[in-house]
Every structure is written in C-alpha cells, then in structure tokens.
Amino acid sequence: MRRPFRRAAITALALSTLLIAAPQATGAEAPTSTDGHGPRLYTPDPNPDAARQIVGLVKAGQYRDAARITAMIATPQAVWFGDQSPAEVEKLTRDVVRDADRRAALPVFALYNIPGRDCSNYSAGGAANTAEYQAWIDAVARGIGSRDAMVVLEPDALALLPADCGQDDAQGTKTAARYTEVNYAVDRLEPLRGTRVYLDTGHPGWHSVNSIVPRLIKGGVEHAAGFYTNASNYFTDDANSWYGKLISSCIAYVEKSAGDAADCPNQWTPRADAQTWIDAHVRVPASRMAHFVTDSSRNGRGPWTPPAGKYTDPQDWCNPPDRGLGARPTLRTGDPLQDARLWIKTPGESDGLCLRGTEGPEDPERGTVDPKAGDWFPQQALELVRYAEPPLLPAK
C-alpha cells in the first residue's frame, strides 16, 4: 500500500492542475465518481511516481497532460496486494476498508499471491506453498472483516495453471494444489458479510468458453459471486460483456442442467447462433447465474495488432504502444449479469520488460528499456491519457 504521497496532497495538486489546464471541464464526468447512483467505487492512493510525473509536467508547462494524469489517478481503481506478510496485508486491508467506509465507497482488491504466480515470469512471486497461501488469505479475511469489498481473486490463477507452463509433474500435483488454493480463498472470503469474490477467466482472446468454464467450476465459482475478464488486457467492452454472458450461460447449463461445457457456444460462434442456443438451453434467471466484472482500464482503443511477421513473439499483452484508457468504472452497467466495469489493472504501471522475441534489452516497439512489472511507466501513462476513449478532459 503506497503512502509517501498522501491523498490530501494529491487532491490539492489535482485541483490546482485542473484549474490551470482545464477550466472548461465543468460538467465533464467527475473522475472520482462512478455514475452518481448508489455506492461509489474506491480510489486508492496513487503510485508516488505518478505524482512526480504530474509535478514534472507542470514544471515543463505541459498543463493539459498534467491534468490528464491527475484525472487518471483520481479515478477509482483496484488496490493490489501480493507480497506482504500476513500481518502486513491484514493491517493494510483493514486500513483500506476503513478508509473506504468513511468515504461511503466500495473498495476493489486484486489479490495476487498464489504460489507459482505468473508461471515465474515478469510478475513472479507469490506464497511459497499452499499452507502459506491459506494463512495469507486468512489475514486478508480478518482485515476485511464485516465491511464491504469486491475481490478480484488471483489474476491468471485459472487461465494460466502450472500445467499450462510446464511447471507441473506427471501427477499434476501443482495444478491440483492451485485448485485447492483458489477454492480455499473463495470459501474463506465469499461468506464474509459484505464481500463478493470473482474468479479469473483471462480474456476473450485466450481461452474458449468451453475450456475456461470447467476450470471455473473446479475453482469453486458456484460458491463465488462470479468471475472477471480482461484483467490487465485490452479487449473491448463489447467483447468482454459478450464473453461474460457466454461463460455465465455455460456455467448455468453445466451446473443447473447437467450439460457438458463442450456443447456451449463460445466467443467465436456467430452471435445469432449463440443467442439461439442460450434461449433454448438456459432457463435460469440472471439472479441465480454467475455474475461477472470486466476491466476497462486500458481498452479504449482495443487490442494492439503487432506488425505482421516482425516479431517471433510479439507479446501483444505487454506494454503495447498507443493504447488508451477505457470507459470509467461503474457499478451500473445496465446488464443484469455484469456487476461492474472496473479499472483492475493500475493504468500507468508497466507490464514488464517486453522484448518481443528479441535479445533486448530495449523494447523494439518503443526503443526504450521498459520498467519492470508494477513500476510506473511515464511514456505509457501519457499514451493512455492522450488516447483515452472516452476522453479524460473535454476538447479544447
């Protein structure tokens, strides 16, 4: 949890910057508000380097960019926890829910501490074993207590199993442990009075509905609020919502009708055909189906299409160039299955050292060495705010 720059200082900087750069912004969508109805989503303290970038932009006379970065960090987004000790994460979680409660806001936690996290790649780390992970989840549960919270549980935990990256043994020991760990977290957190837990699906360009639904069921989605999609990725709101509807429908078909996930339509099925199938096979009301949330933090311009044939591994998910912030977070989506549109990924923080199949050390798309995963990336932050859709500030 970042504390060097206090929220009061950031607010003062934000107000002064916005007054200098965008006096015409009155009436624009308030960056810290969801939609004016119901509870607000929580805005955590920003990355200290974001504040430093704002100060640098103001000193350089780049007031409009400073105002855009200010608006970005003042927008509700998830609070990430992953490498803290149980004692630390309990305290930090409690601090957040208390602060959110004072502000009548709903915090979103992205918990990221599963053993074997990220297949030991850019975001490697996590608990050493199942017992250590369970103790860590227990600490998060104590920190949340009876206050309200949404939990985005372990990005990539189900979409990227140990078996998927060659880290398991012939008996599937680590993959079995992964399901044990995810189920434990669901069973520990979802029963808390005000907590809703969502499980990982990756994104619409990765697993088919037919392959991810069995993983969700094995991971305990029946006992969770539902699932999330597009965390830290770039697929459009339309693609994410459709993918979510298909997954939710397939879960209902399997769990309520004893169907086979292999029979469900997937995201590549023509939509009219998929809807016809849903109408014929899913007769469960939305209130009894698995719900979902989506990540719109960086999807304003959709996915990046790498230059054809340029890279052996283009890493289209890794700091792609010229992407923009997506639609602002909200708890009112207009879809009875979609509980929220969120900014799960912290926009402006790097995905890692992207080499795209080259020897590096520079990212060949950018000509720079990208910051390590989780560090602030000023170049990308400017791209995100300049290409935001909808725009962060009104046109001049």
Protein backbone atom coordinates (compact mmCIF):
# COMPACT_ATOMS: atom_id res chain seq x y z
CA MET A 1 0.00 0.00 0.00
CA ARG A 2 1.56 3.28 -1.10
CA ARG A 3 1.63 6.12 1.44
CA PRO A 4 4.52 8.55 0.65
CA PHE A 5 2.13 10.93 -1.15
CA ARG A 6 -0.97 11.48 0.96
CA ARG A 7 -4.35 11.84 -0.70
CA ALA A 8 -4.79 15.40 0.58
CA ALA A 9 -1.60 16.48 -1.16
CA ILE A 10 -2.63 14.76 -4.36
CA THR A 11 -6.07 16.35 -4.20
CA ALA A 12 -4.55 19.80 -3.82
CA LEU A 13 -2.22 19.13 -6.74
CA ALA A 14 -5.09 17.75 -8.80
CA LEU A 15 -7.30 20.75 -8.19
CA SER A 16 -4.58 23.26 -8.98
CA THR A 17 -3.58 21.37 -12.10
CA LEU A 18 -7.14 21.02 -13.36
CA LEU A 19 -7.86 24.70 -12.73
CA ILE A 20 -4.77 25.69 -14.70
CA ALA A 21 -5.25 23.27 -17.57
CA ALA A 22 -8.95 22.73 -17.99
CA PRO A 23 -11.22 25.42 -16.58
CA GLN A 24 -13.77 24.36 -19.19
CA ALA A 25 -14.05 20.89 -17.63
CA THR A 26 -17.07 21.86 -15.51
CA GLY A 27 -19.83 19.40 -16.24
CA ALA A 28 -17.49 16.67 -17.51
CA GLU A 29 -17.59 13.25 -15.94
CA ALA A 30 -16.05 13.53 -12.49
CA PRO A 31 -13.03 11.22 -12.35
CA THR A 32 -13.70 10.02 -8.80
CA SER A 33 -17.38 9.27 -9.32
CA THR A 34 -18.91 6.13 -10.74
CA ASP A 35 -22.24 7.40 -12.03
CA GLY A 36 -23.97 9.31 -9.28
CA HIS A 37 -26.20 6.40 -8.22
CA GLY A 38 -25.58 4.02 -5.34
CA PRO A 39 -22.18 3.45 -3.71
CA ARG A 40 -19.04 4.94 -5.13
CA LEU A 41 -16.04 2.86 -6.07
CA TYR A 42 -12.93 3.49 -4.01
CA THR A 43 -9.92 5.46 -5.24
CA PRO A 44 -6.66 4.39 -3.57
CA ASP A 45 -3.56 6.46 -3.01
CA PRO A 46 -1.66 6.77 -6.31
CA ASN A 47 1.74 5.46 -7.27
CA PRO A 48 4.18 8.11 -5.94
CA ASP A 49 5.87 8.24 -9.34
CA ALA A 50 2.57 9.31 -10.90
CA ALA A 51 2.58 12.35 -8.64
CA ARG A 52 6.20 13.04 -9.59
CA GLN A 53 5.26 12.87 -13.25
CA ILE A 54 2.47 15.38 -12.70
CA VAL A 55 4.85 17.78 -10.97
CA GLY A 56 7.36 17.39 -13.80
CA LEU A 57 4.72 18.05 -16.44
CA VAL A 58 3.53 21.18 -14.64
CA LYS A 59 7.10 22.47 -14.37
CA ALA A 60 7.54 21.84 -18.09
CA GLY A 61 4.37 23.78 -18.89
CA GLN A 62 2.55 20.67 -20.12
CA TYR A 63 -0.55 21.52 -18.13
CA ARG A 64 -3.07 19.55 -20.15
CA ASP A 65 -1.08 16.32 -19.88
CA ALA A 66 -0.63 17.00 -16.16
CA ALA A 67 -4.39 17.39 -15.85
CA ARG A 68 -4.97 14.14 -17.73
CA ILE A 69 -2.61 12.16 -15.48
CA THR A 70 -4.27 13.78 -12.47
CA ALA A 71 -7.68 12.69 -13.71
CA MET A 72 -6.41 9.17 -14.31
CA ILE A 73 -5.04 8.64 -10.82
CA ALA A 74 -8.18 10.22 -9.32
CA THR A 75 -10.35 7.56 -10.98
CA PRO A 76 -11.44 4.54 -8.88
CA GLN A 77 -9.22 1.50 -9.38
CA ALA A 78 -8.24 -1.71 -7.67
CA VAL A 79 -5.91 -2.00 -4.69
CA TRP A 80 -3.32 -4.72 -5.33
CA PHE A 81 -1.84 -6.89 -2.59
CA GLY A 82 0.55 -9.74 -3.19
CA ASP A 83 3.93 -9.86 -1.49
CA GLN A 84 3.15 -8.65 2.01
CA SER A 85 3.37 -10.84 5.07
CA PRO A 86 0.10 -11.94 6.68
CA ALA A 87 0.49 -9.31 9.39
CA GLU A 88 1.19 -6.59 6.84
CA VAL A 89 -1.66 -7.50 4.50
CA GLU A 90 -4.14 -7.72 7.37
CA LYS A 91 -3.28 -4.21 8.51
CA LEU A 92 -3.25 -2.74 5.02
CA THR A 93 -6.54 -4.37 4.09
CA ARG A 94 -8.14 -3.09 7.28
CA ASP A 95 -6.80 0.41 6.56
CA VAL A 96 -8.37 0.38 3.09
CA VAL A 97 -11.81 -0.89 4.13
CA ARG A 98 -11.97 1.60 6.98
CA ASP A 99 -10.94 4.46 4.70
CA ALA A 100 -13.48 3.32 2.09
CA ASP A 101 -16.18 3.05 4.72
CA ARG A 102 -15.54 6.64 5.82
CA ARG A 103 -15.92 7.74 2.21
CA ALA A 104 -19.02 5.62 1.58
CA ALA A 105 -17.05 3.88 -1.16
CA LEU A 106 -16.64 0.27 -2.22
CA PRO A 107 -13.02 -0.95 -2.43
CA VAL A 108 -11.86 -3.46 -5.02
CA PHE A 109 -8.97 -5.73 -4.02
CA ALA A 110 -6.84 -7.56 -6.57
CA LEU A 111 -5.24 -10.40 -4.60
CA TYR A 112 -2.09 -11.67 -6.28
CA ASN A 113 -0.13 -14.08 -4.10
CA ILE A 114 -0.88 -17.57 -5.44
CA PRO A 115 2.09 -20.00 -5.40
CA GLY A 116 3.75 -20.14 -8.82
CA ARG A 117 2.31 -16.78 -9.77
CA ASP A 118 2.64 -15.78 -13.46
CA CYS A 119 4.48 -19.05 -14.21
CA SER A 120 7.60 -17.41 -12.68
CA ASN A 121 7.71 -14.80 -15.47
CA TYR A 122 7.62 -10.99 -15.19
CA SER A 123 5.36 -10.94 -12.14
CA ALA A 124 6.90 -13.99 -10.48
CA GLY A 125 6.47 -14.43 -6.76
CA GLY A 126 3.65 -15.45 -4.50
CA ALA A 127 3.37 -17.63 -1.44
CA ALA A 128 5.82 -20.50 -1.07
CA ASN A 129 3.20 -23.21 -0.62
CA THR A 130 -0.48 -23.88 -0.01
CA ALA A 131 -0.30 -23.55 3.76
CA GLU A 132 1.45 -20.19 3.48
CA TYR A 133 -1.13 -19.00 0.98
CA GLN A 134 -4.04 -20.05 3.16
CA ALA A 135 -2.55 -18.17 6.12
CA TRP A 136 -2.25 -15.10 3.88
CA ILE A 137 -5.88 -15.36 2.75
CA ASP A 138 -6.93 -15.73 6.39
CA ALA A 139 -5.16 -12.45 7.11
CA VAL A 140 -6.97 -10.69 4.24
CA ALA A 141 -10.28 -12.03 5.57
CA ARG A 142 -9.54 -10.66 9.04
CA GLY A 143 -8.63 -7.31 7.51
CA ILE A 144 -11.87 -7.03 5.53
CA GLY A 145 -14.00 -8.23 8.43
CA SER A 146 -17.64 -7.25 8.03
CA ARG A 147 -17.08 -4.29 5.74
CA ASP A 148 -17.99 -4.27 2.04
CA ALA A 149 -15.45 -5.22 -0.62
CA MET A 150 -15.10 -6.71 -4.08
CA VAL A 151 -12.25 -9.20 -4.55
CA VAL A 152 -10.67 -9.92 -7.92
CA LEU A 153 -9.02 -13.17 -6.97
CA GLU A 154 -5.62 -14.05 -8.38
CA PRO A 155 -5.27 -12.88 -11.99
CA ASP A 156 -4.05 -15.75 -14.22
CA ALA A 157 -4.63 -18.31 -11.46
CA LEU A 158 -7.08 -20.33 -13.56
CA ALA A 159 -6.23 -19.14 -17.06
CA LEU A 160 -2.54 -20.00 -16.53
CA LEU A 161 -2.33 -23.19 -14.48
CA PRO A 162 1.02 -24.75 -13.59
CA ALA A 163 0.23 -27.46 -16.14
CA ASP A 164 -0.07 -24.80 -18.85
CA CYS A 165 3.50 -23.61 -18.46
CA GLY A 166 5.35 -26.89 -17.95
CA GLN A 167 5.84 -26.41 -14.22
CA ASP A 168 3.86 -29.43 -13.04
CA ASP A 169 4.85 -33.05 -12.53
CA ALA A 170 3.28 -36.06 -14.22
CA GLN A 171 0.74 -36.40 -11.41
CA GLY A 172 -0.45 -32.80 -11.75
CA THR A 173 0.46 -32.04 -8.14
CA LYS A 174 0.89 -28.28 -8.55
CA THR A 175 -2.25 -27.87 -10.63
CA ALA A 176 -4.27 -29.77 -8.05
CA ALA A 177 -2.79 -27.51 -5.37
CA ARG A 178 -3.79 -24.46 -7.40
CA TYR A 179 -7.44 -25.53 -7.37
CA THR A 180 -7.20 -26.22 -3.63
CA GLU A 181 -5.83 -22.72 -3.06
CA VAL A 182 -8.45 -20.96 -5.17
CA ASN A 183 -11.27 -22.89 -3.53
CA TYR A 184 -9.90 -22.08 -0.10
CA ALA A 185 -9.85 -18.38 -0.91
CA VAL A 186 -13.43 -18.48 -2.21
CA ASP A 187 -14.67 -20.40 0.83
CA ARG A 188 -12.87 -18.05 3.22
CA LEU A 189 -13.74 -14.71 1.63
CA GLU A 190 -17.15 -15.04 -0.04
CA PRO A 191 -19.00 -15.82 3.24
CA LEU A 192 -17.84 -12.51 4.74
CA ARG A 193 -20.86 -10.26 5.20
CA GLY A 194 -20.12 -7.69 2.52
CA THR A 195 -17.57 -9.43 0.28
CA ARG A 196 -18.05 -10.57 -3.32
CA VAL A 197 -15.36 -12.75 -4.92
CA TYR A 198 -14.71 -13.07 -8.66
CA LEU A 199 -12.54 -15.73 -10.35
CA ASP A 200 -10.12 -15.47 -13.26
CA THR A 201 -11.00 -16.18 -16.91
CA GLY A 202 -8.10 -14.49 -18.70
CA HIS A 203 -9.61 -12.60 -21.65
CA PRO A 204 -11.74 -13.25 -24.76
CA GLY A 205 -8.70 -13.85 -26.97
CA TRP A 206 -7.28 -16.61 -24.79
CA HIS A 207 -9.42 -19.49 -23.52
CA SER A 208 -12.58 -20.53 -25.26
CA VAL A 209 -15.75 -20.60 -23.20
CA ASN A 210 -15.59 -24.38 -23.45
CA SER A 211 -12.14 -24.59 -21.86
CA ILE A 212 -12.44 -21.93 -19.15
CA VAL A 213 -15.84 -22.98 -17.76
CA PRO A 214 -14.60 -26.36 -16.42
CA ARG A 215 -11.73 -24.51 -14.72
CA LEU A 216 -14.12 -22.02 -13.13
CA ILE A 217 -16.36 -24.81 -11.87
CA LYS A 218 -13.39 -26.71 -10.48
CA GLY A 219 -12.18 -23.47 -8.90
CA GLY A 220 -15.41 -23.03 -6.95
CA VAL A 221 -17.27 -20.42 -8.98
CA GLU A 222 -20.57 -21.86 -7.73
CA HIS A 223 -19.66 -20.54 -4.26
CA ALA A 224 -18.36 -17.16 -5.51
CA ALA A 225 -20.16 -14.10 -6.81
CA GLY A 226 -18.83 -14.95 -10.24
CA PHE A 227 -15.80 -14.23 -12.42
CA TYR A 228 -13.90 -11.43 -14.14
CA THR A 229 -12.40 -11.00 -17.57
CA ASN A 230 -9.80 -8.86 -19.37
CA ALA A 231 -7.73 -8.06 -16.25
CA SER A 232 -4.69 -6.10 -17.45
CA ASN A 233 -5.69 -6.63 -21.09
CA TYR A 234 -7.15 -4.63 -23.95
CA PHE A 235 -10.28 -6.28 -25.32
CA THR A 236 -13.24 -4.01 -25.92
CA ASP A 237 -16.19 -3.65 -23.57
CA ASP A 238 -18.43 -5.30 -26.14
CA ALA A 239 -16.14 -8.33 -26.46
CA ASN A 240 -15.81 -8.62 -22.69
CA SER A 241 -19.52 -8.37 -21.99
CA TRP A 242 -20.38 -10.95 -24.64
CA TYR A 243 -17.67 -13.31 -23.37
CA GLY A 244 -19.03 -12.88 -19.86
CA LYS A 245 -22.57 -13.64 -20.95
CA LEU A 246 -21.45 -16.78 -22.77
CA ILE A 247 -19.44 -18.01 -19.78
CA SER A 248 -22.26 -17.32 -17.34
CA SER A 249 -24.73 -19.10 -19.61
CA CYS A 250 -22.44 -22.09 -20.00
CA ILE A 251 -21.90 -22.35 -16.24
CA ALA A 252 -25.66 -22.35 -15.74
CA TYR A 253 -26.07 -25.02 -18.43
CA VAL A 254 -23.47 -27.27 -16.79
CA GLU A 255 -24.45 -26.72 -13.16
CA LYS A 256 -28.23 -26.41 -13.44
CA SER A 257 -28.93 -28.72 -16.39
CA ALA A 258 -26.08 -31.24 -16.05
CA GLY A 259 -24.88 -30.25 -19.50
CA ASP A 260 -21.40 -30.52 -20.99
CA ALA A 261 -19.31 -27.36 -21.43
CA ALA A 262 -18.14 -28.74 -24.77
CA ASP A 263 -21.67 -28.17 -26.10
CA CYS A 264 -21.76 -24.47 -25.23
CA PRO A 265 -21.27 -21.79 -27.88
CA ASN A 266 -18.07 -19.84 -27.50
CA GLN A 267 -16.86 -16.36 -28.37
CA TRP A 268 -16.13 -17.37 -31.96
CA THR A 269 -19.62 -18.76 -32.58
CA PRO A 270 -21.77 -16.38 -34.68
CA ARG A 271 -23.67 -14.30 -32.16
CA ALA A 272 -27.10 -15.00 -33.56
CA ASP A 273 -26.43 -18.75 -33.36
CA ALA A 274 -25.06 -18.43 -29.83
CA GLN A 275 -28.08 -16.45 -28.68
CA THR A 276 -30.42 -19.02 -30.19
CA TRP A 277 -28.59 -21.75 -28.24
CA ILE A 278 -28.81 -19.74 -25.00
CA ASP A 279 -32.52 -19.15 -25.48
CA ALA A 280 -33.06 -22.88 -25.96
CA HIS A 281 -30.82 -24.24 -23.18
CA VAL A 282 -30.54 -21.66 -20.38
CA ARG A 283 -33.72 -21.01 -18.43
CA VAL A 284 -32.15 -19.81 -15.20
CA PRO A 285 -32.92 -16.25 -14.09
CA ALA A 286 -29.97 -13.87 -14.04
CA SER A 287 -30.21 -13.64 -10.25
CA ARG A 288 -29.22 -17.32 -10.00
CA MET A 289 -26.42 -17.23 -12.55
CA ALA A 290 -22.74 -16.44 -12.05
CA HIS A 291 -22.20 -12.71 -12.46
CA PHE A 292 -19.07 -11.04 -13.81
CA VAL A 293 -17.00 -7.86 -13.80
CA THR A 294 -14.70 -6.55 -16.52
CA ASP A 295 -11.53 -4.46 -16.73
CA SER A 296 -11.69 -1.34 -18.90
CA SER A 297 -8.52 0.31 -17.59
CA ARG A 298 -6.63 0.16 -20.90
CA ASN A 299 -9.11 -0.92 -23.57
CA GLY A 300 -10.15 2.44 -25.02
CA ARG A 301 -8.57 1.62 -28.38
CA GLY A 302 -8.94 -2.14 -28.18
CA PRO A 303 -6.12 -4.69 -28.59
CA TRP A 304 -2.86 -3.90 -30.34
CA THR A 305 -2.24 -5.64 -33.67
CA PRO A 306 1.52 -6.31 -33.98
CA PRO A 307 3.17 -5.71 -37.34
CA ALA A 308 2.82 -8.89 -39.40
CA GLY A 309 5.92 -11.07 -39.37
CA LYS A 310 8.04 -8.58 -37.43
CA TYR A 311 8.44 -10.49 -34.15
CA THR A 312 8.80 -14.15 -33.25
CA ASP A 313 6.89 -13.40 -30.01
CA PRO A 314 5.12 -10.05 -30.30
CA GLN A 315 3.82 -10.12 -26.69
CA ASP A 316 0.70 -8.18 -27.66
CA TRP A 317 -0.27 -8.05 -23.96
CA CYS A 318 2.99 -6.44 -22.83
CA ASN A 319 3.08 -2.63 -22.83
CA PRO A 320 1.60 -2.38 -26.33
CA PRO A 321 2.05 1.07 -27.88
CA ASP A 322 -0.59 3.74 -28.35
CA ARG A 323 -3.33 2.24 -26.19
CA GLY A 324 -5.83 4.40 -24.31
CA LEU A 325 -7.79 4.35 -21.08
CA GLY A 326 -11.24 2.83 -21.45
CA ALA A 327 -14.64 3.74 -20.09
CA ARG A 328 -14.75 4.91 -16.48
CA PRO A 329 -15.55 2.39 -13.75
CA THR A 330 -19.17 1.95 -12.74
CA LEU A 331 -21.44 -0.28 -10.69
CA ARG A 332 -24.36 0.38 -13.03
CA THR A 333 -23.69 -1.48 -16.26
CA GLY A 334 -27.24 -1.98 -17.48
CA ASP A 335 -26.57 -5.72 -17.73
CA PRO A 336 -28.19 -7.96 -15.08
CA LEU A 337 -25.20 -10.32 -15.27
CA GLN A 338 -22.44 -7.68 -15.15
CA ASP A 339 -21.93 -6.34 -11.64
CA ALA A 340 -19.33 -3.72 -12.55
CA ARG A 341 -16.94 -2.31 -15.05
CA LEU A 342 -13.68 -1.71 -13.18
CA TRP A 343 -10.15 -0.47 -13.59
CA ILE A 344 -8.46 -3.61 -12.29
CA LYS A 345 -5.01 -3.02 -13.74
CA THR A 346 -3.39 0.14 -12.37
CA PRO A 347 -3.07 2.23 -15.55
CA GLY A 348 0.40 3.68 -15.96
CA GLU A 349 2.21 0.77 -14.33
CA SER A 350 4.41 -1.36 -16.58
CA ASP A 351 3.68 -4.95 -17.62
CA GLY A 352 7.39 -5.80 -17.52
CA LEU A 353 10.49 -5.92 -19.70
CA CYS A 354 8.96 -6.53 -23.12
CA LEU A 355 11.48 -7.94 -25.62
CA ARG A 356 9.06 -9.40 -28.22
CA GLY A 357 11.35 -12.29 -29.09
CA THR A 358 14.47 -10.12 -29.50
CA GLU A 359 17.64 -10.18 -27.41
CA GLY A 360 16.86 -6.76 -25.96
CA PRO A 361 17.44 -5.05 -23.64
CA GLU A 362 15.19 -2.48 -25.35
CA ASP A 363 11.55 -2.95 -26.22
CA PRO A 364 11.81 -2.85 -30.03
CA GLU A 365 8.40 -1.16 -30.34
CA ARG A 366 9.44 1.68 -28.06
CA GLY A 367 13.21 1.93 -28.35
CA THR A 368 13.49 2.05 -24.58
CA VAL A 369 14.03 -0.41 -21.77
CA ASP A 370 10.59 -0.88 -20.24
CA PRO A 371 10.30 -0.60 -16.44
CA LYS A 372 9.89 -3.85 -14.55
CA ALA A 373 6.39 -5.13 -13.86
CA GLY A 374 4.49 -2.85 -11.47
CA ASP A 375 6.82 0.15 -11.83
CA TRP A 376 5.47 3.44 -13.16
CA PHE A 377 5.92 3.89 -16.93
CA PRO A 378 5.68 7.61 -17.78
CA GLN A 379 5.70 7.07 -21.55
CA GLN A 380 2.85 4.60 -21.39
CA ALA A 381 0.93 6.73 -18.90
CA LEU A 382 0.97 9.63 -21.36
CA GLU A 383 -0.23 7.38 -24.16
CA LEU A 384 -3.09 6.07 -22.05
CA VAL A 385 -4.36 9.52 -21.12
CA ARG A 386 -3.87 11.07 -24.55
CA TYR A 387 -5.69 8.25 -26.34
CA ALA A 388 -8.37 7.70 -23.69
CA GLU A 389 -11.79 6.79 -25.03
CA PRO A 390 -13.91 8.47 -23.86
CA PRO A 391 -11.51 11.38 -23.35
CA LEU A 392 -10.50 12.32 -19.83
CA LEU A 393 -10.97 16.04 -20.50
CA PRO A 394 -13.28 17.94 -22.84
CA ALA A 395 -11.88 19.07 -26.17
CA LYS A 396 -10.31 22.50 -26.13
